[in-house]
Structures are given as structure tokens and as C-alpha cells.
mmCIF file of all heavy atoms, coordinates in Angstrom:
data_MODEL
# 
_entry.id   MODEL 
# 
loop_
_atom_site.group_PDB 
_atom_site.id 
_atom_site.type_symbol 
_atom_site.label_atom_id 
_atom_site.label_alt_id 
_atom_site.label_comp_id 
_atom_site.label_asym_id 
_atom_site.label_entity_id 
_atom_site.label_seq_id 
_atom_site.pdbx_PDB_ins_code 
_atom_site.Cartn_x 
_atom_site.Cartn_y 
_atom_site.Cartn_z 
_atom_site.occupancy 
_atom_site.B_iso_or_equiv 
_atom_site.pdbx_formal_charge 
_atom_site.auth_seq_id 
_atom_site.auth_comp_id 
_atom_site.auth_asym_id 
_atom_site.auth_atom_id 
_atom_site.pdbx_PDB_model_num 
ATOM 1   N N   . GLN A 1 1  ? 17.102 16.065  -0.554  1.00 0.00 ? 1  GLN A N   1 
ATOM 2   C CA  . GLN A 1 1  ? 16.903 17.100  0.445   1.00 0.00 ? 1  GLN A CA  1 
ATOM 3   C C   . GLN A 1 1  ? 15.485 17.069  1.002   1.00 0.00 ? 1  GLN A C   1 
ATOM 4   O O   . GLN A 1 1  ? 14.548 16.625  0.330   1.00 0.00 ? 1  GLN A O   1 
ATOM 5   C CB  . GLN A 1 1  ? 17.172 18.482  -0.148  1.00 0.00 ? 1  GLN A CB  1 
ATOM 6   C CG  . GLN A 1 1  ? 18.617 18.720  -0.533  1.00 0.00 ? 1  GLN A CG  1 
ATOM 7   C CD  . GLN A 1 1  ? 18.857 20.131  -1.016  1.00 0.00 ? 1  GLN A CD  1 
ATOM 8   O OE1 . GLN A 1 1  ? 17.940 20.808  -1.476  1.00 0.00 ? 1  GLN A OE1 1 
ATOM 9   N NE2 . GLN A 1 1  ? 20.093 20.592  -0.908  1.00 0.00 ? 1  GLN A NE2 1 
ATOM 10  N N   . SER A 1 2  ? 15.346 17.528  2.222   1.00 0.00 ? 2  SER A N   1 
ATOM 11  C CA  . SER A 1 2  ? 14.037 17.626  2.839   1.00 0.00 ? 2  SER A CA  1 
ATOM 12  C C   . SER A 1 2  ? 13.114 18.439  1.933   1.00 0.00 ? 2  SER A C   1 
ATOM 13  O O   . SER A 1 2  ? 13.503 19.477  1.406   1.00 0.00 ? 2  SER A O   1 
ATOM 14  C CB  . SER A 1 2  ? 14.152 18.285  4.209   1.00 0.00 ? 2  SER A CB  1 
ATOM 15  O OG  . SER A 1 2  ? 12.894 18.413  4.826   1.00 0.00 ? 2  SER A OG  1 
ATOM 16  N N   . GLY A 1 3  ? 11.898 17.940  1.753   1.00 0.00 ? 3  GLY A N   1 
ATOM 17  C CA  . GLY A 1 3  ? 10.941 18.610  0.896   1.00 0.00 ? 3  GLY A CA  1 
ATOM 18  C C   . GLY A 1 3  ? 10.959 18.120  -0.535  1.00 0.00 ? 3  GLY A C   1 
ATOM 19  O O   . GLY A 1 3  ? 10.068 18.453  -1.323  1.00 0.00 ? 3  GLY A O   1 
ATOM 20  N N   . GLY A 1 4  ? 11.951 17.328  -0.867  1.00 0.00 ? 4  GLY A N   1 
ATOM 21  C CA  . GLY A 1 4  ? 12.080 16.815  -2.213  1.00 0.00 ? 4  GLY A CA  1 
ATOM 22  C C   . GLY A 1 4  ? 11.209 15.602  -2.474  1.00 0.00 ? 4  GLY A C   1 
ATOM 23  O O   . GLY A 1 4  ? 10.462 15.152  -1.602  1.00 0.00 ? 4  GLY A O   1 
ATOM 24  N N   . SER A 1 5  ? 11.323 15.077  -3.676  1.00 0.00 ? 5  SER A N   1 
ATOM 25  C CA  . SER A 1 5  ? 10.538 13.922  -4.086  1.00 0.00 ? 5  SER A CA  1 
ATOM 26  C C   . SER A 1 5  ? 11.426 12.825  -4.641  1.00 0.00 ? 5  SER A C   1 
ATOM 27  O O   . SER A 1 5  ? 12.539 13.078  -5.113  1.00 0.00 ? 5  SER A O   1 
ATOM 28  C CB  . SER A 1 5  ? 9.514  14.319  -5.156  1.00 0.00 ? 5  SER A CB  1 
ATOM 29  O OG  . SER A 1 5  ? 8.580  15.253  -4.659  1.00 0.00 ? 5  SER A OG  1 
ATOM 30  N N   . LEU A 1 6  ? 10.906 11.628  -4.587  1.00 0.00 ? 6  LEU A N   1 
ATOM 31  C CA  . LEU A 1 6  ? 11.639 10.476  -5.076  1.00 0.00 ? 6  LEU A CA  1 
ATOM 32  C C   . LEU A 1 6  ? 10.634 9.398   -5.446  1.00 0.00 ? 6  LEU A C   1 
ATOM 33  O O   . LEU A 1 6  ? 9.596  9.278   -4.785  1.00 0.00 ? 6  LEU A O   1 
ATOM 34  C CB  . LEU A 1 6  ? 12.584 9.969   -3.990  1.00 0.00 ? 6  LEU A CB  1 
ATOM 35  C CG  . LEU A 1 6  ? 13.753 9.058   -4.366  1.00 0.00 ? 6  LEU A CG  1 
ATOM 36  C CD1 . LEU A 1 6  ? 14.713 9.785   -5.307  1.00 0.00 ? 6  LEU A CD1 1 
ATOM 37  C CD2 . LEU A 1 6  ? 14.485 8.631   -3.101  1.00 0.00 ? 6  LEU A CD2 1 
ATOM 38  N N   . ARG A 1 7  ? 10.919 8.638   -6.484  1.00 0.00 ? 7  ARG A N   1 
ATOM 39  C CA  . ARG A 1 7  ? 10.048 7.528   -6.844  1.00 0.00 ? 7  ARG A CA  1 
ATOM 40  C C   . ARG A 1 7  ? 10.823 6.224   -6.788  1.00 0.00 ? 7  ARG A C   1 
ATOM 41  O O   . ARG A 1 7  ? 11.830 6.051   -7.479  1.00 0.00 ? 7  ARG A O   1 
ATOM 42  C CB  . ARG A 1 7  ? 9.447  7.695   -8.243  1.00 0.00 ? 7  ARG A CB  1 
ATOM 43  C CG  . ARG A 1 7  ? 8.374  6.633   -8.532  1.00 0.00 ? 7  ARG A CG  1 
ATOM 44  C CD  . ARG A 1 7  ? 7.633  6.875   -9.819  1.00 0.00 ? 7  ARG A CD  1 
ATOM 45  N NE  . ARG A 1 7  ? 8.325  6.304   -10.969 1.00 0.00 ? 7  ARG A NE  1 
ATOM 46  C CZ  . ARG A 1 7  ? 7.715  5.894   -12.076 1.00 0.00 ? 7  ARG A CZ  1 
ATOM 47  N NH1 . ARG A 1 7  ? 6.392  6.010   -12.188 1.00 0.00 ? 7  ARG A NH1 1 
ATOM 48  N NH2 . ARG A 1 7  ? 8.423  5.405   -13.078 1.00 0.00 ? 7  ARG A NH2 1 
ATOM 49  N N   . LEU A 1 8  ? 10.337 5.324   -5.966  1.00 0.00 ? 8  LEU A N   1 
ATOM 50  C CA  . LEU A 1 8  ? 10.935 4.008   -5.853  1.00 0.00 ? 8  LEU A CA  1 
ATOM 51  C C   . LEU A 1 8  ? 10.224 3.050   -6.800  1.00 0.00 ? 8  LEU A C   1 
ATOM 52  O O   . LEU A 1 8  ? 9.023  3.164   -7.027  1.00 0.00 ? 8  LEU A O   1 
ATOM 53  C CB  . LEU A 1 8  ? 10.822 3.479   -4.423  1.00 0.00 ? 8  LEU A CB  1 
ATOM 54  C CG  . LEU A 1 8  ? 11.400 4.359   -3.318  1.00 0.00 ? 8  LEU A CG  1 
ATOM 55  C CD1 . LEU A 1 8  ? 11.292 3.632   -1.978  1.00 0.00 ? 8  LEU A CD1 1 
ATOM 56  C CD2 . LEU A 1 8  ? 12.837 4.740   -3.617  1.00 0.00 ? 8  LEU A CD2 1 
ATOM 57  N N   . SER A 1 9  ? 10.979 2.111   -7.329  1.00 0.00 ? 9  SER A N   1 
ATOM 58  C CA  . SER A 1 9  ? 10.421 1.125   -8.240  1.00 0.00 ? 9  SER A CA  1 
ATOM 59  C C   . SER A 1 9  ? 10.705 -0.274  -7.729  1.00 0.00 ? 9  SER A C   1 
ATOM 60  O O   . SER A 1 9  ? 11.723 -0.521  -7.079  1.00 0.00 ? 9  SER A O   1 
ATOM 61  C CB  . SER A 1 9  ? 11.016 1.280   -9.640  1.00 0.00 ? 9  SER A CB  1 
ATOM 62  O OG  . SER A 1 9  ? 10.715 2.538   -10.190 1.00 0.00 ? 9  SER A OG  1 
ATOM 63  N N   . CYS A 1 10 ? 9.803  -1.178  -8.026  1.00 0.00 ? 10 CYS A N   1 
ATOM 64  C CA  . CYS A 1 10 ? 9.951  -2.569  -7.636  1.00 0.00 ? 10 CYS A CA  1 
ATOM 65  C C   . CYS A 1 10 ? 9.619  -3.424  -8.843  1.00 0.00 ? 10 CYS A C   1 
ATOM 66  O O   . CYS A 1 10 ? 8.496  -3.369  -9.355  1.00 0.00 ? 10 CYS A O   1 
ATOM 67  C CB  . CYS A 1 10 ? 9.011  -2.889  -6.470  1.00 0.00 ? 10 CYS A CB  1 
ATOM 68  S SG  . CYS A 1 10 ? 8.922  -4.630  -6.033  1.00 0.00 ? 10 CYS A SG  1 
ATOM 69  N N   . ALA A 1 11 ? 10.579 -4.193  -9.295  1.00 0.00 ? 11 ALA A N   1 
ATOM 70  C CA  . ALA A 1 11 ? 10.384 -5.071  -10.439 1.00 0.00 ? 11 ALA A CA  1 
ATOM 71  C C   . ALA A 1 11 ? 10.149 -6.492  -9.939  1.00 0.00 ? 11 ALA A C   1 
ATOM 72  O O   . ALA A 1 11 ? 10.938 -7.013  -9.150  1.00 0.00 ? 11 ALA A O   1 
ATOM 73  C CB  . ALA A 1 11 ? 11.601 -5.026  -11.355 1.00 0.00 ? 11 ALA A CB  1 
ATOM 74  N N   . ALA A 1 12 ? 9.082  -7.098  -10.404 1.00 0.00 ? 12 ALA A N   1 
ATOM 75  C CA  . ALA A 1 12 ? 8.719  -8.435  -9.964  1.00 0.00 ? 12 ALA A CA  1 
ATOM 76  C C   . ALA A 1 12 ? 9.306  -9.505  -10.863 1.00 0.00 ? 12 ALA A C   1 
ATOM 77  O O   . ALA A 1 12 ? 9.467  -9.310  -12.067 1.00 0.00 ? 12 ALA A O   1 
ATOM 78  C CB  . ALA A 1 12 ? 7.203  -8.581  -9.918  1.00 0.00 ? 12 ALA A CB  1 
ATOM 79  N N   . GLY A 1 13 ? 9.603  -10.632 -10.257 1.00 0.00 ? 13 GLY A N   1 
ATOM 80  C CA  . GLY A 1 13 ? 10.116 -11.763 -10.999 1.00 0.00 ? 13 GLY A CA  1 
ATOM 81  C C   . GLY A 1 13 ? 8.999  -12.569 -11.627 1.00 0.00 ? 13 GLY A C   1 
ATOM 82  O O   . GLY A 1 13 ? 7.898  -12.056 -11.854 1.00 0.00 ? 13 GLY A O   1 
ATOM 83  N N   . THR A 1 14 ? 9.278  -13.814 -11.885 1.00 0.00 ? 14 THR A N   1 
ATOM 84  C CA  . THR A 1 14 ? 8.335  -14.660 -12.616 1.00 0.00 ? 14 THR A CA  1 
ATOM 85  C C   . THR A 1 14 ? 7.311  -15.363 -11.731 1.00 0.00 ? 14 THR A C   1 
ATOM 86  O O   . THR A 1 14 ? 7.183  -16.592 -11.764 1.00 0.00 ? 14 THR A O   1 
ATOM 87  C CB  . THR A 1 14 ? 9.106  -15.697 -13.445 1.00 0.00 ? 14 THR A CB  1 
ATOM 88  O OG1 . THR A 1 14 ? 9.945  -16.476 -12.577 1.00 0.00 ? 14 THR A OG1 1 
ATOM 89  C CG2 . THR A 1 14 ? 9.947  -15.018 -14.505 1.00 0.00 ? 14 THR A CG2 1 
ATOM 90  N N   . PHE A 1 15 ? 6.578  -14.615 -10.954 1.00 0.00 ? 15 PHE A N   1 
ATOM 91  C CA  . PHE A 1 15 ? 5.462  -15.157 -10.212 1.00 0.00 ? 15 PHE A CA  1 
ATOM 92  C C   . PHE A 1 15 ? 4.185  -14.506 -10.739 1.00 0.00 ? 15 PHE A C   1 
ATOM 93  O O   . PHE A 1 15 ? 4.249  -13.586 -11.548 1.00 0.00 ? 15 PHE A O   1 
ATOM 94  C CB  . PHE A 1 15 ? 5.625  -14.945 -8.700  1.00 0.00 ? 15 PHE A CB  1 
ATOM 95  C CG  . PHE A 1 15 ? 5.738  -13.506 -8.275  1.00 0.00 ? 15 PHE A CG  1 
ATOM 96  C CD1 . PHE A 1 15 ? 4.614  -12.789 -7.885  1.00 0.00 ? 15 PHE A CD1 1 
ATOM 97  C CD2 . PHE A 1 15 ? 6.966  -12.865 -8.234  1.00 0.00 ? 15 PHE A CD2 1 
ATOM 98  C CE1 . PHE A 1 15 ? 4.716  -11.464 -7.462  1.00 0.00 ? 15 PHE A CE1 1 
ATOM 99  C CE2 . PHE A 1 15 ? 7.088  -11.551 -7.813  1.00 0.00 ? 15 PHE A CE2 1 
ATOM 100 C CZ  . PHE A 1 15 ? 5.945  -10.853 -7.427  1.00 0.00 ? 15 PHE A CZ  1 
ATOM 101 N N   . THR A 1 16 ? 3.045  -14.997 -10.275 1.00 0.00 ? 16 THR A N   1 
ATOM 102 C CA  . THR A 1 16 ? 1.772  -14.470 -10.762 1.00 0.00 ? 16 THR A CA  1 
ATOM 103 C C   . THR A 1 16 ? 1.510  -13.124 -10.102 1.00 0.00 ? 16 THR A C   1 
ATOM 104 O O   . THR A 1 16 ? 0.697  -13.000 -9.185  1.00 0.00 ? 16 THR A O   1 
ATOM 105 C CB  . THR A 1 16 ? 0.634  -15.462 -10.480 1.00 0.00 ? 16 THR A CB  1 
ATOM 106 O OG1 . THR A 1 16 ? 1.020  -16.771 -10.914 1.00 0.00 ? 16 THR A OG1 1 
ATOM 107 C CG2 . THR A 1 16 ? -0.622 -15.051 -11.254 1.00 0.00 ? 16 THR A CG2 1 
ATOM 108 N N   . PHE A 1 17 ? 2.193  -12.134 -10.595 1.00 0.00 ? 17 PHE A N   1 
ATOM 109 C CA  . PHE A 1 17 ? 2.214  -10.799 -10.009 1.00 0.00 ? 17 PHE A CA  1 
ATOM 110 C C   . PHE A 1 17 ? 0.831  -10.218 -9.727  1.00 0.00 ? 17 PHE A C   1 
ATOM 111 O O   . PHE A 1 17 ? 0.585  -9.671  -8.650  1.00 0.00 ? 17 PHE A O   1 
ATOM 112 C CB  . PHE A 1 17 ? 2.993  -9.860  -10.935 1.00 0.00 ? 17 PHE A CB  1 
ATOM 113 C CG  . PHE A 1 17 ? 3.060  -8.439  -10.450 1.00 0.00 ? 17 PHE A CG  1 
ATOM 114 C CD1 . PHE A 1 17 ? 3.925  -8.073  -9.443  1.00 0.00 ? 17 PHE A CD1 1 
ATOM 115 C CD2 . PHE A 1 17 ? 2.243  -7.471  -11.019 1.00 0.00 ? 17 PHE A CD2 1 
ATOM 116 C CE1 . PHE A 1 17 ? 3.997  -6.765  -8.998  1.00 0.00 ? 17 PHE A CE1 1 
ATOM 117 C CE2 . PHE A 1 17 ? 2.304  -6.156  -10.585 1.00 0.00 ? 17 PHE A CE2 1 
ATOM 118 C CZ  . PHE A 1 17 ? 3.187  -5.809  -9.571  1.00 0.00 ? 17 PHE A CZ  1 
ATOM 119 N N   . SER A 1 18 ? -0.070 -10.315 -10.681 1.00 0.00 ? 18 SER A N   1 
ATOM 120 C CA  . SER A 1 18 ? -1.383 -9.695  -10.543 1.00 0.00 ? 18 SER A CA  1 
ATOM 121 C C   . SER A 1 18 ? -2.213 -10.256 -9.397  1.00 0.00 ? 18 SER A C   1 
ATOM 122 O O   . SER A 1 18 ? -3.165 -9.614  -8.956  1.00 0.00 ? 18 SER A O   1 
ATOM 123 C CB  . SER A 1 18 ? -2.173 -9.817  -11.853 1.00 0.00 ? 18 SER A CB  1 
ATOM 124 O OG  . SER A 1 18 ? -2.420 -11.173 -12.177 1.00 0.00 ? 18 SER A OG  1 
ATOM 125 N N   . GLU A 1 19 ? -1.866 -11.417 -8.893  1.00 0.00 ? 19 GLU A N   1 
ATOM 126 C CA  . GLU A 1 19 ? -2.610 -12.042 -7.812  1.00 0.00 ? 19 GLU A CA  1 
ATOM 127 C C   . GLU A 1 19 ? -2.068 -11.685 -6.423  1.00 0.00 ? 19 GLU A C   1 
ATOM 128 O O   . GLU A 1 19 ? -2.650 -12.082 -5.420  1.00 0.00 ? 19 GLU A O   1 
ATOM 129 C CB  . GLU A 1 19 ? -2.604 -13.563 -7.978  1.00 0.00 ? 19 GLU A CB  1 
ATOM 130 C CG  . GLU A 1 19 ? -3.309 -14.033 -9.251  1.00 0.00 ? 19 GLU A CG  1 
ATOM 131 C CD  . GLU A 1 19 ? -3.303 -15.539 -9.410  1.00 0.00 ? 19 GLU A CD  1 
ATOM 132 O OE1 . GLU A 1 19 ? -2.758 -16.237 -8.530  1.00 0.00 ? 19 GLU A OE1 1 
ATOM 133 O OE2 . GLU A 1 19 ? -3.845 -16.023 -10.414 1.00 0.00 ? 19 GLU A OE2 1 
ATOM 134 N N   . TYR A 1 20 ? -0.980 -10.955 -6.384  1.00 0.00 ? 20 TYR A N   1 
ATOM 135 C CA  . TYR A 1 20 ? -0.353 -10.601 -5.118  1.00 0.00 ? 20 TYR A CA  1 
ATOM 136 C C   . TYR A 1 20 ? -0.689 -9.195  -4.667  1.00 0.00 ? 20 TYR A C   1 
ATOM 137 O O   . TYR A 1 20 ? -0.780 -8.271  -5.477  1.00 0.00 ? 20 TYR A O   1 
ATOM 138 C CB  . TYR A 1 20 ? 1.167  -10.705 -5.237  1.00 0.00 ? 20 TYR A CB  1 
ATOM 139 C CG  . TYR A 1 20 ? 1.711  -12.104 -5.137  1.00 0.00 ? 20 TYR A CG  1 
ATOM 140 C CD1 . TYR A 1 20 ? 1.544  -13.008 -6.181  1.00 0.00 ? 20 TYR A CD1 1 
ATOM 141 C CD2 . TYR A 1 20 ? 2.401  -12.523 -4.000  1.00 0.00 ? 20 TYR A CD2 1 
ATOM 142 C CE1 . TYR A 1 20 ? 2.040  -14.298 -6.090  1.00 0.00 ? 20 TYR A CE1 1 
ATOM 143 C CE2 . TYR A 1 20 ? 2.905  -13.801 -3.914  1.00 0.00 ? 20 TYR A CE2 1 
ATOM 144 C CZ  . TYR A 1 20 ? 2.724  -14.686 -4.960  1.00 0.00 ? 20 TYR A CZ  1 
ATOM 145 O OH  . TYR A 1 20 ? 3.232  -15.963 -4.865  1.00 0.00 ? 20 TYR A OH  1 
ATOM 146 N N   . ALA A 1 21 ? -0.852 -9.061  -3.373  1.00 0.00 ? 21 ALA A N   1 
ATOM 147 C CA  . ALA A 1 21 ? -0.911 -7.735  -2.779  1.00 0.00 ? 21 ALA A CA  1 
ATOM 148 C C   . ALA A 1 21 ? 0.542  -7.289  -2.678  1.00 0.00 ? 21 ALA A C   1 
ATOM 149 O O   . ALA A 1 21 ? 1.411  -8.070  -2.297  1.00 0.00 ? 21 ALA A O   1 
ATOM 150 C CB  . ALA A 1 21 ? -1.541 -7.786  -1.396  1.00 0.00 ? 21 ALA A CB  1 
ATOM 151 N N   . MET A 1 22 ? 0.804  -6.065  -3.035  1.00 0.00 ? 22 MET A N   1 
ATOM 152 C CA  . MET A 1 22 ? 2.160  -5.542  -2.995  1.00 0.00 ? 22 MET A CA  1 
ATOM 153 C C   . MET A 1 22 ? 2.231  -4.402  -1.990  1.00 0.00 ? 22 MET A C   1 
ATOM 154 O O   . MET A 1 22 ? 1.257  -3.688  -1.766  1.00 0.00 ? 22 MET A O   1 
ATOM 155 C CB  . MET A 1 22 ? 2.587  -5.050  -4.377  1.00 0.00 ? 22 MET A CB  1 
ATOM 156 C CG  . MET A 1 22 ? 2.516  -6.108  -5.472  1.00 0.00 ? 22 MET A CG  1 
ATOM 157 S SD  . MET A 1 22 ? 3.618  -7.524  -5.176  1.00 0.00 ? 22 MET A SD  1 
ATOM 158 C CE  . MET A 1 22 ? 5.232  -6.728  -5.261  1.00 0.00 ? 22 MET A CE  1 
ATOM 159 N N   . SER A 1 23 ? 3.382  -4.239  -1.411  1.00 0.00 ? 23 SER A N   1 
ATOM 160 C CA  . SER A 1 23 ? 3.529  -3.197  -0.408  1.00 0.00 ? 23 SER A CA  1 
ATOM 161 C C   . SER A 1 23 ? 4.959  -2.690  -0.332  1.00 0.00 ? 23 SER A C   1 
ATOM 162 O O   . SER A 1 23 ? 5.882  -3.288  -0.888  1.00 0.00 ? 23 SER A O   1 
ATOM 163 C CB  . SER A 1 23 ? 3.081  -3.707  0.967   1.00 0.00 ? 23 SER A CB  1 
ATOM 164 O OG  . SER A 1 23 ? 3.921  -4.751  1.422   1.00 0.00 ? 23 SER A OG  1 
ATOM 165 N N   . TRP A 1 24 ? 5.087  -1.589  0.363   1.00 0.00 ? 24 TRP A N   1 
ATOM 166 C CA  . TRP A 1 24 ? 6.400  -1.036  0.678   1.00 0.00 ? 24 TRP A CA  1 
ATOM 167 C C   . TRP A 1 24 ? 6.505  -0.919  2.187   1.00 0.00 ? 24 TRP A C   1 
ATOM 168 O O   . TRP A 1 24 ? 5.579  -0.445  2.844   1.00 0.00 ? 24 TRP A O   1 
ATOM 169 C CB  . TRP A 1 24 ? 6.599  0.349   0.064   1.00 0.00 ? 24 TRP A CB  1 
ATOM 170 C CG  . TRP A 1 24 ? 6.786  0.336   -1.420  1.00 0.00 ? 24 TRP A CG  1 
ATOM 171 C CD1 . TRP A 1 24 ? 5.833  0.476   -2.370  1.00 0.00 ? 24 TRP A CD1 1 
ATOM 172 C CD2 . TRP A 1 24 ? 8.027  0.178   -2.117  1.00 0.00 ? 24 TRP A CD2 1 
ATOM 173 N NE1 . TRP A 1 24 ? 6.396  0.424   -3.625  1.00 0.00 ? 24 TRP A NE1 1 
ATOM 174 C CE2 . TRP A 1 24 ? 7.743  0.240   -3.504  1.00 0.00 ? 24 TRP A CE2 1 
ATOM 175 C CE3 . TRP A 1 24 ? 9.355  0.001   -1.715  1.00 0.00 ? 24 TRP A CE3 1 
ATOM 176 C CZ2 . TRP A 1 24 ? 8.737  0.123   -4.477  1.00 0.00 ? 24 TRP A CZ2 1 
ATOM 177 C CZ3 . TRP A 1 24 ? 10.341 -0.118  -2.685  1.00 0.00 ? 24 TRP A CZ3 1 
ATOM 178 C CH2 . TRP A 1 24 ? 10.019 -0.056  -4.046  1.00 0.00 ? 24 TRP A CH2 1 
ATOM 179 N N   . SER A 1 25 ? 7.615  -1.341  2.722   1.00 0.00 ? 25 SER A N   1 
ATOM 180 C CA  . SER A 1 25 ? 7.890  -1.190  4.135   1.00 0.00 ? 25 SER A CA  1 
ATOM 181 C C   . SER A 1 25 ? 9.246  -0.514  4.263   1.00 0.00 ? 25 SER A C   1 
ATOM 182 O O   . SER A 1 25 ? 9.995  -0.415  3.291   1.00 0.00 ? 25 SER A O   1 
ATOM 183 C CB  . SER A 1 25 ? 7.878  -2.542  4.857   1.00 0.00 ? 25 SER A CB  1 
ATOM 184 O OG  . SER A 1 25 ? 8.873  -3.409  4.330   1.00 0.00 ? 25 SER A OG  1 
ATOM 185 N N   . ARG A 1 26 ? 9.549  -0.047  5.443   1.00 0.00 ? 26 ARG A N   1 
ATOM 186 C CA  . ARG A 1 26 ? 10.836 0.604   5.653   1.00 0.00 ? 26 ARG A CA  1 
ATOM 187 C C   . ARG A 1 26 ? 11.352 0.315   7.051   1.00 0.00 ? 26 ARG A C   1 
ATOM 188 O O   . ARG A 1 26 ? 10.590 0.041   7.970   1.00 0.00 ? 26 ARG A O   1 
ATOM 189 C CB  . ARG A 1 26 ? 10.729 2.111   5.429   1.00 0.00 ? 26 ARG A CB  1 
ATOM 190 C CG  . ARG A 1 26 ? 9.862  2.841   6.453   1.00 0.00 ? 26 ARG A CG  1 
ATOM 191 C CD  . ARG A 1 26 ? 9.683  4.296   6.064   1.00 0.00 ? 26 ARG A CD  1 
ATOM 192 N NE  . ARG A 1 26 ? 8.898  5.033   7.049   1.00 0.00 ? 26 ARG A NE  1 
ATOM 193 C CZ  . ARG A 1 26 ? 8.494  6.286   6.895   1.00 0.00 ? 26 ARG A CZ  1 
ATOM 194 N NH1 . ARG A 1 26 ? 8.790  6.950   5.777   1.00 0.00 ? 26 ARG A NH1 1 
ATOM 195 N NH2 . ARG A 1 26 ? 7.780  6.883   7.844   1.00 0.00 ? 26 ARG A NH2 1 
ATOM 196 N N   . GLN A 1 27 ? 12.652 0.407   7.186   1.00 0.00 ? 27 GLN A N   1 
ATOM 197 C CA  . GLN A 1 27 ? 13.271 0.208   8.480   1.00 0.00 ? 27 GLN A CA  1 
ATOM 198 C C   . GLN A 1 27 ? 14.466 1.137   8.631   1.00 0.00 ? 27 GLN A C   1 
ATOM 199 O O   . GLN A 1 27 ? 15.390 1.109   7.823   1.00 0.00 ? 27 GLN A O   1 
ATOM 200 C CB  . GLN A 1 27 ? 13.707 -1.240  8.672   1.00 0.00 ? 27 GLN A CB  1 
ATOM 201 C CG  . GLN A 1 27 ? 14.221 -1.534  10.066  1.00 0.00 ? 27 GLN A CG  1 
ATOM 202 C CD  . GLN A 1 27 ? 14.346 -3.008  10.340  1.00 0.00 ? 27 GLN A CD  1 
ATOM 203 O OE1 . GLN A 1 27 ? 14.562 -3.804  9.443   1.00 0.00 ? 27 GLN A OE1 1 
ATOM 204 N NE2 . GLN A 1 27 ? 14.202 -3.380  11.603  1.00 0.00 ? 27 GLN A NE2 1 
ATOM 205 N N   . ALA A 1 28 ? 14.411 1.950   9.659   1.00 0.00 ? 28 ALA A N   1 
ATOM 206 C CA  . ALA A 1 28 ? 15.506 2.843   9.980   1.00 0.00 ? 28 ALA A CA  1 
ATOM 207 C C   . ALA A 1 28 ? 16.366 2.179   11.046  1.00 0.00 ? 28 ALA A C   1 
ATOM 208 O O   . ALA A 1 28 ? 15.880 1.337   11.808  1.00 0.00 ? 28 ALA A O   1 
ATOM 209 C CB  . ALA A 1 28 ? 14.967 4.175   10.485  1.00 0.00 ? 28 ALA A CB  1 
ATOM 210 N N   . PRO A 1 29 ? 17.639 2.536   11.131  1.00 0.00 ? 29 PRO A N   1 
ATOM 211 C CA  . PRO A 1 29 ? 18.520 1.945   12.139  1.00 0.00 ? 29 PRO A CA  1 
ATOM 212 C C   . PRO A 1 29 ? 17.955 2.096   13.548  1.00 0.00 ? 29 PRO A C   1 
ATOM 213 O O   . PRO A 1 29 ? 17.539 3.185   13.943  1.00 0.00 ? 29 PRO A O   1 
ATOM 214 C CB  . PRO A 1 29 ? 19.812 2.738   11.974  1.00 0.00 ? 29 PRO A CB  1 
ATOM 215 C CG  . PRO A 1 29 ? 19.807 3.146   10.539  1.00 0.00 ? 29 PRO A CG  1 
ATOM 216 C CD  . PRO A 1 29 ? 18.364 3.483   10.266  1.00 0.00 ? 29 PRO A CD  1 
# 
């Protein structure tokens, strides 16, 4: 609902995770 909260998670595979910049993007229809 509007006003609510949510936490998204992203699990990384077997790459050198600590060396990467990570981000979140979104796309609406």
C-alpha cells in the first residue's frame, strides 16, 4: 500500500562482488 515499506534483495553469483559498483534501476510500463 501507498506509504508502506519494502526491502529488495539482490544475491550475487560467483564474481568478484566487492570490486563492483552495484545499483538498482527500475522500469515502469
